Protein backbone atom coordinates (compact mmCIF):
# COMPACT_ATOMS: atom_id res chain seq x y z
CA UNK A 1 -48.14 -5.80 -7.00
CA UNK A 2 -47.32 -3.12 -9.58
CA UNK A 3 -49.95 -1.65 -11.91
CA UNK A 4 -48.78 -3.62 -14.95
CA UNK A 5 -49.35 -6.91 -13.14
CA UNK A 6 -52.77 -5.76 -11.89
CA UNK A 7 -53.81 -4.71 -15.41
CA UNK A 8 -52.51 -7.96 -16.85
CA UNK A 9 -54.37 -10.03 -14.24
CA UNK A 10 -57.57 -8.04 -14.81
CA UNK A 11 -57.34 -8.58 -18.58
CA UNK A 12 -56.66 -12.28 -18.08
CA UNK A 13 -59.67 -12.64 -15.75
CA UNK A 14 -61.86 -10.71 -18.18
CA UNK A 15 -60.81 -12.96 -21.07
CA UNK A 16 -61.35 -16.06 -18.93
CA UNK A 17 -64.85 -14.92 -17.95
CA UNK A 18 -65.66 -14.12 -21.57
CA UNK A 19 -64.51 -17.59 -22.70
CA UNK A 20 -66.57 -19.17 -19.91
CA UNK A 21 -69.69 -17.27 -20.99
CA UNK A 22 -69.11 -18.32 -24.61
CA UNK A 23 -68.63 -21.95 -23.57
CA UNK A 24 -71.77 -21.85 -21.43
CA UNK A 25 -73.79 -20.34 -24.28
CA UNK A 26 -72.50 -22.99 -26.68
CA UNK A 27 -73.28 -25.78 -24.20
CA UNK A 28 -76.82 -24.47 -23.70
CA UNK A 29 -77.33 -24.23 -27.45
CA UNK A 30 -76.19 -27.84 -27.95
CA UNK A 31 -78.31 -29.06 -25.02
CA UNK A 32 -81.39 -27.37 -26.47
CA UNK A 33 -80.81 -29.09 -29.81
CA UNK A 34 -80.30 -32.46 -28.12
CA UNK A 35 -83.23 -32.19 -25.67
CA UNK A 36 -85.59 -31.11 -28.45
CA UNK A 37 -85.47 -34.74 -29.63
CA UNK A 38 -87.17 -35.85 -26.39
CA UNK A 39 -90.75 -34.65 -26.07
CA UNK A 40 -91.00 -35.38 -22.33
CA UNK A 41 -88.57 -32.58 -21.42
CA UNK A 42 -88.82 -28.79 -21.27
CA UNK A 43 -86.30 -26.53 -22.99
CA UNK A 44 -83.11 -26.30 -20.90
CA UNK A 45 -82.29 -23.01 -19.19
CA UNK A 46 -79.59 -21.55 -16.97
CA UNK A 47 -80.45 -20.44 -13.43
CA UNK A 48 -78.87 -17.30 -11.99
CA UNK A 49 -76.39 -19.44 -10.03
CA UNK A 50 -75.15 -21.08 -13.24
CA UNK A 51 -76.93 -24.42 -12.89
CA UNK A 52 -78.43 -25.79 -16.08
CA UNK A 53 -81.95 -27.15 -15.62
CA UNK A 54 -83.59 -29.74 -17.87
CA UNK A 55 -87.04 -30.22 -16.38
CA UNK A 56 -89.49 -32.99 -17.04
CA UNK A 57 -92.77 -31.66 -18.46
CA UNK A 58 -95.51 -31.19 -15.86
CA UNK A 59 -97.89 -33.55 -17.66
CA UNK A 60 -95.30 -36.34 -17.54
CA UNK A 61 -94.62 -35.68 -13.85
CA UNK A 62 -98.34 -35.81 -13.10
CA UNK A 63 -98.75 -39.07 -15.02
CA UNK A 64 -95.82 -40.62 -13.14
CA UNK A 65 -97.27 -39.46 -9.83
CA UNK A 66 -100.67 -40.94 -10.70
CA UNK A 67 -99.07 -44.23 -11.72
CA UNK A 68 -97.04 -44.33 -8.49
CA UNK A 69 -100.12 -43.60 -6.38
CA UNK A 70 -102.06 -46.37 -8.13
CA UNK A 71 -99.20 -48.83 -7.59
CA UNK A 72 -99.06 -47.94 -3.90
CA UNK A 73 -102.83 -48.40 -3.55
CA UNK A 74 -102.72 -51.83 -5.20
CA UNK A 75 -99.78 -52.86 -3.02
CA UNK A 76 -101.66 -51.73 0.09
CA UNK A 77 -104.80 -53.67 -0.92
CA UNK A 78 -102.76 -56.80 -1.65
CA UNK A 79 -101.02 -56.57 1.73
CA UNK A 80 -104.37 -56.11 3.49
CA UNK A 81 -105.82 -59.04 1.59
CA UNK A 82 -102.90 -61.26 2.65
CA UNK A 83 -103.36 -60.19 6.28
CA UNK A 84 -107.06 -61.12 6.15
CA UNK A 85 -106.30 -64.50 4.55
CA UNK A 86 -103.65 -65.17 7.16
CA UNK A 87 -106.16 -64.69 9.99
CA UNK A 88 -108.53 -67.38 8.64
């Protein structure tokens, strides 16, 4: 490959990367605006590998976990109660 083609390819890749960074920044900006309408979610951010993360707030996660644990306990007690009634 001659030098002109290498330079041209390098410039094209550089422009492509620049457009990608601009698009990613615009996407993140729009996501932040959108997610701000939902109080259960943290502000979106971009990980070093390029993934965009929209995390549920810790307090909401904890509440969901508590609710799930309670539901499982009630289900267990109901199943045990049925087993005891079945033995009578």
